[in-house]
Amino acid sequence: STLATALTVARTFGSYLEGFAVRVSVPTVVAMD
């Protein structure tokens, strides 16, 4: 639904769409070894 909504807006304005992967951060317990 998010991508379909973004495309609907992009078609309206002739937009450039850029995607990227949302990456979960390393949990604190792992970061602290």
PDB file of all heavy atoms in Angstrom:
ATOM      1  N   SER A   1       0.830  -1.205   0.000  1.00  0.00           N
ATOM      2  CA  SER A   1       0.000   0.000   0.000  1.00  0.00           C
ATOM      3  C   SER A   1       0.865   1.256   0.000  1.00  0.00           C
ATOM      4  O   SER A   1       0.552   2.236  -0.683  1.00  0.00           O
ATOM      5  CB  SER A   1      -0.928   0.008   1.216  1.00  0.00           C
ATOM      6  OG  SER A   1      -1.612   1.237   1.320  1.00  0.00           O
ATOM      7  N   THR A   2       1.964   1.223   0.746  1.00  0.00           N
ATOM      8  CA  THR A   2       2.862   2.375   0.800  1.00  0.00           C
ATOM      9  C   THR A   2       3.446   2.672  -0.572  1.00  0.00           C
ATOM     10  O   THR A   2       3.485   3.824  -1.022  1.00  0.00           O
ATOM     11  CB  THR A   2       3.995   2.111   1.807  1.00  0.00           C
ATOM     12  OG1 THR A   2       3.430   1.859   3.095  1.00  0.00           O
ATOM     13  CG2 THR A   2       4.940   3.298   1.889  1.00  0.00           C
ATOM     14  N   LEU A   3       3.908   1.646  -1.257  1.00  0.00           N
ATOM     15  CA  LEU A   3       4.497   1.833  -2.589  1.00  0.00           C
ATOM     16  C   LEU A   3       3.444   2.296  -3.590  1.00  0.00           C
ATOM     17  O   LEU A   3       3.712   3.157  -4.437  1.00  0.00           O
ATOM     18  CB  LEU A   3       5.152   0.540  -3.051  1.00  0.00           C
ATOM     19  CG  LEU A   3       6.432   0.149  -2.302  1.00  0.00           C
ATOM     20  CD1 LEU A   3       6.835  -1.278  -2.626  1.00  0.00           C
ATOM     21  CD2 LEU A   3       7.560   1.116  -2.625  1.00  0.00           C
ATOM     22  N   ALA A   4       2.225   1.749  -3.493  1.00  0.00           N
ATOM     23  CA  ALA A   4       1.157   2.180  -4.395  1.00  0.00           C
ATOM     24  C   ALA A   4       0.808   3.642  -4.160  1.00  0.00           C
ATOM     25  O   ALA A   4       0.585   4.411  -5.104  1.00  0.00           O
ATOM     26  CB  ALA A   4      -0.078   1.298  -4.191  1.00  0.00           C
ATOM     27  N   THR A   5       0.782   4.053  -2.890  1.00  0.00           N
ATOM     28  CA  THR A   5       0.494   5.453  -2.558  1.00  0.00           C
ATOM     29  C   THR A   5       1.594   6.366  -3.076  1.00  0.00           C
ATOM     30  O   THR A   5       1.330   7.427  -3.657  1.00  0.00           O
ATOM     31  CB  THR A   5       0.338   5.614  -1.034  1.00  0.00           C
ATOM     32  OG1 THR A   5      -0.735   4.778  -0.575  1.00  0.00           O
ATOM     33  CG2 THR A   5       0.056   7.061  -0.659  1.00  0.00           C
ATOM     34  N   ALA A   6       2.847   5.963  -2.866  1.00  0.00           N
ATOM     35  CA  ALA A   6       3.978   6.759  -3.351  1.00  0.00           C
ATOM     36  C   ALA A   6       3.935   6.900  -4.873  1.00  0.00           C
ATOM     37  O   ALA A   6       4.201   7.973  -5.428  1.00  0.00           O
ATOM     38  CB  ALA A   6       5.290   6.122  -2.917  1.00  0.00           C
ATOM     39  N   LEU A   7       3.579   5.826  -5.574  1.00  0.00           N
ATOM     40  CA  LEU A   7       3.497   5.881  -7.034  1.00  0.00           C
ATOM     41  C   LEU A   7       2.367   6.786  -7.513  1.00  0.00           C
ATOM     42  O   LEU A   7       2.508   7.493  -8.512  1.00  0.00           O
ATOM     43  CB  LEU A   7       3.308   4.469  -7.590  1.00  0.00           C
ATOM     44  CG  LEU A   7       4.589   3.662  -7.791  1.00  0.00           C
ATOM     45  CD1 LEU A   7       4.264   2.201  -8.064  1.00  0.00           C
ATOM     46  CD2 LEU A   7       5.414   4.241  -8.939  1.00  0.00           C
ATOM     47  N   THR A   8       1.244   6.772  -6.790  1.00  0.00           N
ATOM     48  CA  THR A   8       0.139   7.658  -7.152  1.00  0.00           C
ATOM     49  C   THR A   8       0.573   9.117  -7.068  1.00  0.00           C
ATOM     50  O   THR A   8       0.288   9.923  -7.961  1.00  0.00           O
ATOM     51  CB  THR A   8      -1.069   7.416  -6.225  1.00  0.00           C
ATOM     52  OG1 THR A   8      -1.530   6.074  -6.403  1.00  0.00           O
ATOM     53  CG2 THR A   8      -2.205   8.372  -6.535  1.00  0.00           C
ATOM     54  N   VAL A   9       1.290   9.459  -6.010  1.00  0.00           N
ATOM     55  CA  VAL A   9       1.786  10.827  -5.850  1.00  0.00           C
ATOM     56  C   VAL A   9       2.836  11.140  -6.913  1.00  0.00           C
ATOM     57  O   VAL A   9       2.850  12.224  -7.507  1.00  0.00           O
ATOM     58  CB  VAL A   9       2.364  11.038  -4.438  1.00  0.00           C
ATOM     59  CG1 VAL A   9       2.973  12.430  -4.300  1.00  0.00           C
ATOM     60  CG2 VAL A   9       1.284  10.823  -3.385  1.00  0.00           C
ATOM     61  N   ALA A  10       3.712  10.175  -7.185  1.00  0.00           N
ATOM     62  CA  ALA A  10       4.773  10.387  -8.173  1.00  0.00           C
ATOM     63  C   ALA A  10       4.206  10.630  -9.567  1.00  0.00           C
ATOM     64  O   ALA A  10       4.728  11.447 -10.330  1.00  0.00           O
ATOM     65  CB  ALA A  10       5.712   9.182  -8.195  1.00  0.00           C
ATOM     66  N   ARG A  11       3.135   9.950  -9.902  1.00  0.00           N
ATOM     67  CA  ARG A  11       2.504  10.175 -11.200  1.00  0.00           C
ATOM     68  C   ARG A  11       1.869  11.560 -11.279  1.00  0.00           C
ATOM     69  O   ARG A  11       1.839  12.185 -12.342  1.00  0.00           O
ATOM     70  CB  ARG A  11       1.456   9.102 -11.465  1.00  0.00           C
ATOM     71  CG  ARG A  11       2.038   7.719 -11.731  1.00  0.00           C
ATOM     72  CD  ARG A  11       0.975   6.768 -12.248  1.00  0.00           C
ATOM     73  NE  ARG A  11       1.537   5.442 -12.518  1.00  0.00           N
ATOM     74  CZ  ARG A  11       1.426   4.405 -11.693  1.00  0.00           C
ATOM     75  NH1 ARG A  11       0.766   4.556 -10.559  1.00  0.00           N
ATOM     76  NH2 ARG A  11       1.958   3.240 -11.997  1.00  0.00           N
ATOM     77  N   THR A  12       1.373  12.040 -10.154  1.00  0.00           N
ATOM     78  CA  THR A  12       0.757  13.365 -10.125  1.00  0.00           C
ATOM     79  C   THR A  12       1.779  14.456 -10.377  1.00  0.00           C
ATOM     80  O   THR A  12       1.524  15.412 -11.118  1.00  0.00           O
ATOM     81  CB  THR A  12       0.080  13.608  -8.756  1.00  0.00           C
ATOM     82  OG1 THR A  12      -0.942  12.620  -8.555  1.00  0.00           O
ATOM     83  CG2 THR A  12      -0.545  14.996  -8.685  1.00  0.00           C
ATOM     84  N   PHE A  13       2.956  14.315  -9.791  1.00  0.00           N
ATOM     85  CA  PHE A  13       3.951  15.386  -9.835  1.00  0.00           C
ATOM     86  C   PHE A  13       5.160  15.084 -10.723  1.00  0.00           C
ATOM     87  O   PHE A  13       6.051  15.930 -10.852  1.00  0.00           O
ATOM     88  CB  PHE A  13       4.443  15.697  -8.414  1.00  0.00           C
ATOM     89  CG  PHE A  13       3.376  16.235  -7.506  1.00  0.00           C
ATOM     90  CD1 PHE A  13       2.776  15.429  -6.557  1.00  0.00           C
ATOM     91  CD2 PHE A  13       2.952  17.557  -7.612  1.00  0.00           C
ATOM     92  CE1 PHE A  13       1.783  15.913  -5.715  1.00  0.00           C
ATOM     93  CE2 PHE A  13       1.963  18.055  -6.776  1.00  0.00           C
ATOM     94  CZ  PHE A  13       1.370  17.231  -5.823  1.00  0.00           C
ATOM     95  N   GLY A  14       5.205  13.889 -11.331  1.00  0.00           N
ATOM     96  CA  GLY A  14       6.381  13.536 -12.120  1.00  0.00           C
ATOM     97  C   GLY A  14       7.610  13.422 -11.242  1.00  0.00           C
ATOM     98  O   GLY A  14       8.667  13.982 -11.548  1.00  0.00           O
ATOM     99  N   SER A  15       7.498  12.650 -10.152  1.00  0.00           N
ATOM    100  CA  SER A  15       8.519  12.630  -9.107  1.00  0.00           C
ATOM    101  C   SER A  15       9.554  11.525  -9.291  1.00  0.00           C
ATOM    102  O   SER A  15       9.277  10.475  -9.879  1.00  0.00           O
ATOM    103  CB  SER A  15       7.854  12.444  -7.735  1.00  0.00           C
ATOM    104  OG  SER A  15       6.770  13.313  -7.562  1.00  0.00           O
ATOM    105  N   TYR A  16      10.716  11.764  -8.719  1.00  0.00           N
ATOM    106  CA  TYR A  16      11.742  10.744  -8.565  1.00  0.00           C
ATOM    107  C   TYR A  16      11.522  10.060  -7.219  1.00  0.00           C
ATOM    108  O   TYR A  16      11.428  10.719  -6.178  1.00  0.00           O
ATOM    109  CB  TYR A  16      13.135  11.372  -8.616  1.00  0.00           C
ATOM    110  CG  TYR A  16      14.231  10.463  -8.110  1.00  0.00           C
ATOM    111  CD1 TYR A  16      14.640   9.351  -8.851  1.00  0.00           C
ATOM    112  CD2 TYR A  16      14.861  10.711  -6.893  1.00  0.00           C
ATOM    113  CE1 TYR A  16      15.643   8.510  -8.385  1.00  0.00           C
ATOM    114  CE2 TYR A  16      15.870   9.888  -6.421  1.00  0.00           C
ATOM    115  CZ  TYR A  16      16.259   8.786  -7.170  1.00  0.00           C
ATOM    116  OH  TYR A  16      17.248   7.955  -6.702  1.00  0.00           O
ATOM    117  N   LEU A  17      11.410   8.733  -7.235  1.00  0.00           N
ATOM    118  CA  LEU A  17      11.223   7.934  -6.028  1.00  0.00           C
ATOM    119  C   LEU A  17      12.533   7.247  -5.665  1.00  0.00           C
ATOM    120  O   LEU A  17      13.153   6.596  -6.511  1.00  0.00           O
ATOM    121  CB  LEU A  17      10.161   6.853  -6.258  1.00  0.00           C
ATOM    122  CG  LEU A  17       8.717   7.309  -6.473  1.00  0.00           C
ATOM    123  CD1 LEU A  17       7.972   6.278  -7.309  1.00  0.00           C
ATOM    124  CD2 LEU A  17       8.032   7.502  -5.134  1.00  0.00           C
ATOM    125  N   GLU A  18      12.954   7.397  -4.410  1.00  0.00           N
ATOM    126  CA  GLU A  18      14.148   6.683  -3.963  1.00  0.00           C
ATOM    127  C   GLU A  18      13.807   5.806  -2.776  1.00  0.00           C
ATOM    128  O   GLU A  18      13.234   6.266  -1.785  1.00  0.00           O
ATOM    129  CB  GLU A  18      15.261   7.659  -3.579  1.00  0.00           C
ATOM    130  CG  GLU A  18      16.547   6.939  -3.161  1.00  0.00           C
ATOM    131  CD  GLU A  18      17.760   7.856  -3.177  1.00  0.00           C
ATOM    132  OE1 GLU A  18      18.113   8.325  -4.273  1.00  0.00           O
ATOM    133  OE2 GLU A  18      18.313   8.109  -2.088  1.00  0.00           O
ATOM    134  N   GLY A  19      14.147   4.532  -2.900  1.00  0.00           N
ATOM    135  CA  GLY A  19      13.925   3.597  -1.812  1.00  0.00           C
ATOM    136  C   GLY A  19      15.228   3.229  -1.131  1.00  0.00           C
ATOM    137  O   GLY A  19      16.302   3.341  -1.717  1.00  0.00           O
ATOM    138  N   PHE A  20      15.116   2.806   0.110  1.00  0.00           N
ATOM    139  CA  PHE A  20      16.251   2.224   0.822  1.00  0.00           C
ATOM    140  C   PHE A  20      15.700   1.297   1.895  1.00  0.00           C
ATOM    141  O   PHE A  20      14.555   1.435   2.336  1.00  0.00           O
ATOM    142  CB  PHE A  20      17.156   3.301   1.439  1.00  0.00           C
ATOM    143  CG  PHE A  20      16.595   3.953   2.681  1.00  0.00           C
ATOM    144  CD1 PHE A  20      16.910   3.471   3.942  1.00  0.00           C
ATOM    145  CD2 PHE A  20      15.756   5.047   2.579  1.00  0.00           C
ATOM    146  CE1 PHE A  20      16.385   4.064   5.078  1.00  0.00           C
ATOM    147  CE2 PHE A  20      15.236   5.657   3.695  1.00  0.00           C
ATOM    148  CZ  PHE A  20      15.543   5.162   4.970  1.00  0.00           C
ATOM    149  N   ALA A  21      16.500   0.338   2.301  1.00  0.00           N
ATOM    150  CA  ALA A  21      16.069  -0.632   3.302  1.00  0.00           C
ATOM    151  C   ALA A  21      16.248  -0.066   4.702  1.00  0.00           C
ATOM    152  O   ALA A  21      17.345   0.351   5.078  1.00  0.00           O
ATOM    153  CB  ALA A  21      16.872  -1.923   3.149  1.00  0.00           C
ATOM    154  N   VAL A  22      15.151  -0.046   5.461  1.00  0.00           N
ATOM    155  CA  VAL A  22      15.234   0.345   6.872  1.00  0.00           C
ATOM    156  C   VAL A  22      15.878  -0.819   7.616  1.00  0.00           C
ATOM    157  O   VAL A  22      15.374  -1.936   7.626  1.00  0.00           O
ATOM    158  CB  VAL A  22      13.838   0.630   7.451  1.00  0.00           C
ATOM    159  CG1 VAL A  22      13.937   0.982   8.928  1.00  0.00           C
ATOM    160  CG2 VAL A  22      13.168   1.760   6.686  1.00  0.00           C
ATOM    161  N   ARG A  23      17.018  -0.549   8.229  1.00  0.00           N
ATOM    162  CA  ARG A  23      17.795  -1.604   8.893  1.00  0.00           C
ATOM    163  C   ARG A  23      17.769  -1.410  10.397  1.00  0.00           C
ATOM    164  O   ARG A  23      18.069  -0.323  10.888  1.00  0.00           O
ATOM    165  CB  ARG A  23      19.240  -1.593   8.385  1.00  0.00           C
ATOM    166  CG  ARG A  23      19.360  -2.016   6.931  1.00  0.00           C
ATOM    167  CD  ARG A  23      20.643  -1.524   6.281  1.00  0.00           C
ATOM    168  NE  ARG A  23      21.827  -1.797   7.052  1.00  0.00           N
ATOM    169  CZ  ARG A  23      22.521  -2.941   7.015  1.00  0.00           C
ATOM    170  NH1 ARG A  23      22.105  -3.925   6.242  1.00  0.00           N
ATOM    171  NH2 ARG A  23      23.605  -3.103   7.734  1.00  0.00           N
ATOM    172  N   VAL A  24      17.394  -2.451  11.105  1.00  0.00           N
ATOM    173  CA  VAL A  24      17.337  -2.399  12.571  1.00  0.00           C
ATOM    174  C   VAL A  24      18.744  -2.239  13.119  1.00  0.00           C
ATOM    175  O   VAL A  24      19.690  -2.862  12.635  1.00  0.00           O
ATOM    176  CB  VAL A  24      16.692  -3.682  13.124  1.00  0.00           C
ATOM    177  CG1 VAL A  24      16.629  -3.642  14.647  1.00  0.00           C
ATOM    178  CG2 VAL A  24      15.305  -3.863  12.537  1.00  0.00           C
ATOM    179  N   SER A  25      18.898  -1.395  14.133  1.00  0.00           N
ATOM    180  CA  SER A  25      20.220  -1.190  14.726  1.00  0.00           C
ATOM    181  C   SER A  25      20.596  -2.364  15.617  1.00  0.00           C
ATOM    182  O   SER A  25      19.743  -3.091  16.124  1.00  0.00           O
ATOM    183  CB  SER A  25      20.243   0.106  15.541  1.00  0.00           C
ATOM    184  OG  SER A  25      19.282   0.046  16.569  1.00  0.00           O
ATOM    185  N   VAL A  26      21.907  -2.548  15.800  1.00  0.00           N
ATOM    186  CA  VAL A  26      22.408  -3.633  16.642  1.00  0.00           C
ATOM    187  C   VAL A  26      21.891  -3.437  18.060  1.00  0.00           C
ATOM    188  O   VAL A  26      22.034  -2.356  18.625  1.00  0.00           O
ATOM    189  CB  VAL A  26      23.948  -3.650  16.650  1.00  0.00           C
ATOM    190  CG1 VAL A  26      24.469  -4.737  17.571  1.00  0.00           C
ATOM    191  CG2 VAL A  26      24.463  -3.858  15.232  1.00  0.00           C
ATOM    192  N   PRO A  27      21.260  -4.438  18.652  1.00  0.00           N
ATOM    193  CA  PRO A  27      20.766  -4.295  20.016  1.00  0.00           C
ATOM    194  C   PRO A  27      21.870  -3.934  20.990  1.00  0.00           C
ATOM    195  O   PRO A  27      23.038  -4.279  20.794  1.00  0.00           O
ATOM    196  CB  PRO A  27      20.198  -5.689  20.339  1.00  0.00           C
ATOM    197  CG  PRO A  27      19.937  -6.308  19.008  1.00  0.00           C
ATOM    198  CD  PRO A  27      20.975  -5.747  18.080  1.00  0.00           C
ATOM    199  N   THR A  28      21.514  -3.230  22.031  1.00  0.00           N
ATOM    200  CA  THR A  28      22.495  -2.776  23.023  1.00  0.00           C
ATOM    201  C   THR A  28      23.254  -3.941  23.622  1.00  0.00           C
ATOM    202  O   THR A  28      24.467  -3.873  23.831  1.00  0.00           O
ATOM    203  CB  THR A  28      21.783  -1.998  24.149  1.00  0.00           C
ATOM    204  OG1 THR A  28      21.079  -0.904  23.563  1.00  0.00           O
ATOM    205  CG2 THR A  28      22.786  -1.478  25.165  1.00  0.00           C
ATOM    206  N   VAL A  29      22.575  -5.054  23.866  1.00  0.00           N
ATOM    207  CA  VAL A  29      23.257  -6.193  24.489  1.00  0.00           C
ATOM    208  C   VAL A  29      24.338  -6.741  23.580  1.00  0.00           C
ATOM    209  O   VAL A  29      25.373  -7.212  24.032  1.00  0.00           O
ATOM    210  CB  VAL A  29      22.247  -7.306  24.832  1.00  0.00           C
ATOM    211  CG1 VAL A  29      21.332  -6.880  25.955  1.00  0.00           C
ATOM    212  CG2 VAL A  29      21.435  -7.733  23.616  1.00  0.00           C
ATOM    213  N   VAL A  30      24.111  -6.670  22.267  1.00  0.00           N
ATOM    214  CA  VAL A  30      25.128  -7.147  21.336  1.00  0.00           C
ATOM    215  C   VAL A  30      26.252  -6.141  21.233  1.00  0.00           C
ATOM    216  O   VAL A  30      27.432  -6.487  21.245  1.00  0.00           O
ATOM    217  CB  VAL A  30      24.504  -7.405  19.949  1.00  0.00           C
ATOM    218  CG1 VAL A  30      25.587  -7.779  18.941  1.00  0.00           C
ATOM    219  CG2 VAL A  30      23.448  -8.500  20.035  1.00  0.00           C
ATOM    220  N   ALA A  31      25.911  -4.871  21.172  1.00  0.00           N
ATOM    221  CA  ALA A  31      26.920  -3.819  21.046  1.00  0.00           C
ATOM    222  C   ALA A  31      27.856  -3.803  22.245  1.00  0.00           C
ATOM    223  O   ALA A  31      29.030  -3.446  22.131  1.00  0.00           O
ATOM    224  CB  ALA A  31      26.242  -2.468  20.908  1.00  0.00           C
ATOM    225  N   MET A  32      27.346  -4.198  23.425  1.00  0.00           N
ATOM    226  CA  MET A  32      28.157  -4.196  24.643  1.00  0.00           C
ATOM    227  C   MET A  32      28.855  -5.531  24.866  1.00  0.00           C
ATOM    228  O   MET A  32      29.462  -5.772  25.922  1.00  0.00           O
ATOM    229  CB  MET A  32      27.269  -3.871  25.851  1.00  0.00           C
ATOM    230  CG  MET A  32      26.667  -2.470  25.817  1.00  0.00           C
ATOM    231  SD  MET A  32      25.502  -2.188  27.163  1.00  0.00           S
ATOM    232  CE  MET A  32      26.608  -2.339  28.584  1.00  0.00           C
ATOM    233  N   ASP A  33      28.769  -6.423  23.872  1.00  0.00           N
ATOM    234  CA  ASP A  33      29.398  -7.745  23.952  1.00  0.00           C
ATOM    235  C   ASP A  33      28.856  -8.593  25.089  1.00  0.00           C
ATOM    236  O   ASP A  33      29.534  -9.486  25.595  1.00  0.00           O
ATOM    237  CB  ASP A  33      30.926  -7.620  24.103  1.00  0.00           C
ATOM    238  CG  ASP A  33      31.583  -7.131  22.829  1.00  0.00           C
ATOM    239  OD1 ASP A  33      31.029  -7.417  21.758  1.00  0.00           O
ATOM    240  OD2 ASP A  33      32.617  -6.458  22.913  1.00  0.00           O
TER     241      ASP A  33
END
